[in-house]
Amino acid sequence: MPNTERNKKNAIAYYKTAFEGNPREAVNRYGGKTYIQHNPLVGDGQEAFIEYFERMANEYPNKRIEFVRSVAEGNLVALHTRQVWPDGDEYVTMDFFRCDENGKIVEHWDAIQRIPDSSANDNKMY
């Protein structure tokens, strides 16, 4: 049976480390032997993941991420985050990671939505 708490901690650390500008460290510490990427803007594999997040760190060094909630079931982890970018745009994201038997990240899916300036309700998106 998968260790869901370990998988949640690893997924959060993987994403946080990469987002904050250290994707190679994220891959070295938390990445599995393979990496399947489902985001169409990022290439497949660990090296493409590293290149993407290194570019984001160079282009947007002051971006921030807040982990709002995490849910794990079996070898899958879902992360609900709020991202704040230097241009003032904010995004809510849903990221899903699949972990191998050792809790290493081997697959990723996501959905990203910009938080609009106004809303038809007073509820937050995160």
Protein backbone atom coordinates (compact mmCIF):
# COMPACT_ATOMS: atom_id res chain seq x y z
CA MET A 1 0.00 0.00 0.00
CA PRO A 2 1.38 3.46 -0.91
CA ASN A 3 2.55 5.83 1.78
CA THR A 4 0.15 8.73 1.08
CA GLU A 5 1.62 11.15 3.64
CA ARG A 6 5.13 10.64 2.28
CA ASN A 7 3.82 11.11 -1.26
CA LYS A 8 2.08 14.39 -0.32
CA LYS A 9 5.22 15.74 1.34
CA ASN A 10 7.35 14.76 -1.64
CA ALA A 11 4.95 16.29 -4.20
CA ILE A 12 4.81 19.58 -2.28
CA ALA A 13 8.60 19.70 -1.86
CA TYR A 14 9.14 18.81 -5.54
CA TYR A 15 6.82 21.55 -6.78
CA LYS A 16 7.96 24.18 -4.25
CA THR A 17 11.65 23.55 -4.90
CA ALA A 18 11.19 23.77 -8.68
CA PHE A 19 8.87 26.79 -8.55
CA GLU A 20 11.28 28.70 -6.32
CA GLY A 21 14.09 28.27 -8.85
CA ASN A 22 15.83 24.98 -8.05
CA PRO A 23 14.29 22.44 -10.47
CA ARG A 24 17.45 20.33 -10.74
CA GLU A 25 17.49 19.89 -6.98
CA ALA A 26 13.77 19.01 -7.10
CA VAL A 27 14.42 16.30 -9.69
CA ASN A 28 17.51 14.98 -7.90
CA ARG A 29 15.73 14.71 -4.54
CA TYR A 30 12.13 13.88 -5.49
CA GLY A 31 12.07 12.80 -9.14
CA GLY A 32 11.71 9.21 -10.30
CA LYS A 33 13.57 7.39 -13.05
CA THR A 34 11.06 8.58 -15.65
CA TYR A 35 8.82 11.63 -15.89
CA ILE A 36 5.67 11.82 -17.99
CA GLN A 37 4.45 15.37 -18.55
CA HIS A 38 0.85 16.11 -19.60
CA ASN A 39 1.08 19.93 -19.65
CA PRO A 40 1.28 20.77 -23.38
CA LEU A 41 3.58 23.76 -22.70
CA VAL A 42 6.32 21.63 -21.09
CA GLY A 43 8.32 18.90 -22.78
CA ASP A 44 8.33 15.31 -21.60
CA GLY A 45 11.02 14.04 -19.24
CA GLN A 46 13.03 15.36 -16.31
CA GLU A 47 15.40 17.52 -18.39
CA ALA A 48 12.51 19.34 -20.09
CA PHE A 49 10.97 19.95 -16.64
CA ILE A 50 14.28 21.43 -15.42
CA GLU A 51 14.65 23.65 -18.51
CA TYR A 52 11.09 24.97 -18.16
CA PHE A 53 11.43 25.89 -14.48
CA GLU A 54 14.91 27.38 -14.96
CA ARG A 55 13.45 29.63 -17.67
CA MET A 56 10.53 30.60 -15.40
CA ALA A 57 12.99 31.44 -12.59
CA ASN A 58 14.99 33.70 -14.93
CA GLU A 59 11.97 35.42 -16.47
CA TYR A 60 9.90 35.73 -13.27
CA PRO A 61 12.24 35.67 -10.25
CA ASN A 62 9.71 37.20 -7.84
CA LYS A 63 6.82 34.80 -8.39
CA ARG A 64 5.30 33.17 -5.30
CA ILE A 65 3.32 30.02 -4.62
CA GLU A 66 1.02 29.14 -1.73
CA PHE A 67 -0.07 25.55 -1.15
CA VAL A 68 -3.72 25.76 -0.13
CA ARG A 69 -4.52 22.06 0.18
CA SER A 70 -3.24 18.63 -0.72
CA VAL A 71 -5.04 15.34 -1.11
CA ALA A 72 -3.54 11.91 -1.67
CA GLU A 73 -5.08 8.61 -2.65
CA GLY A 74 -2.93 5.62 -3.44
CA ASN A 75 0.01 6.79 -5.53
CA LEU A 76 -1.72 10.02 -6.68
CA VAL A 77 -1.37 13.45 -5.07
CA ALA A 78 -3.49 16.52 -5.86
CA LEU A 79 -2.22 19.99 -4.97
CA HIS A 80 -4.40 23.12 -4.97
CA THR A 81 -2.24 26.24 -5.15
CA ARG A 82 -2.39 30.00 -5.49
CA GLN A 83 0.32 31.60 -7.59
CA VAL A 84 1.17 35.32 -7.57
CA TRP A 85 3.25 36.57 -10.49
CA PRO A 86 5.34 39.79 -10.64
CA ASP A 87 2.96 41.47 -13.10
CA GLY A 88 0.17 41.23 -10.50
CA ASP A 89 -1.64 38.31 -12.12
CA GLU A 90 -2.81 35.59 -9.78
CA TYR A 91 -3.61 32.03 -10.73
CA VAL A 92 -5.24 29.08 -9.05
CA THR A 93 -3.81 25.72 -10.07
CA MET A 94 -4.71 22.09 -9.63
CA ASP A 95 -1.70 19.82 -10.05
CA PHE A 96 -1.81 16.05 -9.96
CA PHE A 97 1.28 13.93 -9.47
CA ARG A 98 1.77 10.17 -9.68
CA CYS A 99 4.42 8.71 -7.42
CA ASP A 100 6.31 5.46 -7.84
CA GLU A 101 6.57 2.84 -5.09
CA ASN A 102 9.38 4.88 -3.47
CA GLY A 103 7.38 8.12 -3.36
CA LYS A 104 9.29 9.66 -6.29
CA ILE A 105 7.43 11.86 -8.80
CA VAL A 106 6.99 10.13 -12.18
CA GLU A 107 3.96 11.81 -13.81
CA HIS A 108 2.21 15.21 -13.80
CA TRP A 109 -1.11 16.75 -14.96
CA ASP A 110 -2.36 20.28 -14.26
CA ALA A 111 -5.11 22.82 -14.82
CA ILE A 112 -4.41 26.54 -14.45
CA GLN A 113 -6.89 29.40 -14.25
CA ARG A 114 -6.24 33.13 -13.91
CA ILE A 115 -8.06 34.68 -10.95
CA PRO A 116 -10.26 37.40 -12.49
CA ASP A 117 -10.52 40.98 -11.22
CA SER A 118 -14.20 40.48 -10.39
CA SER A 119 -16.44 37.56 -9.54
CA ALA A 120 -20.17 36.83 -9.50
CA ASN A 121 -19.74 35.63 -5.88
CA ASP A 122 -17.65 36.49 -2.82
CA ASN A 123 -15.97 33.07 -2.59
CA LYS A 124 -12.24 32.67 -3.19
CA MET A 125 -11.03 30.30 -5.89
CA TYR A 126 -8.57 28.71 -3.46
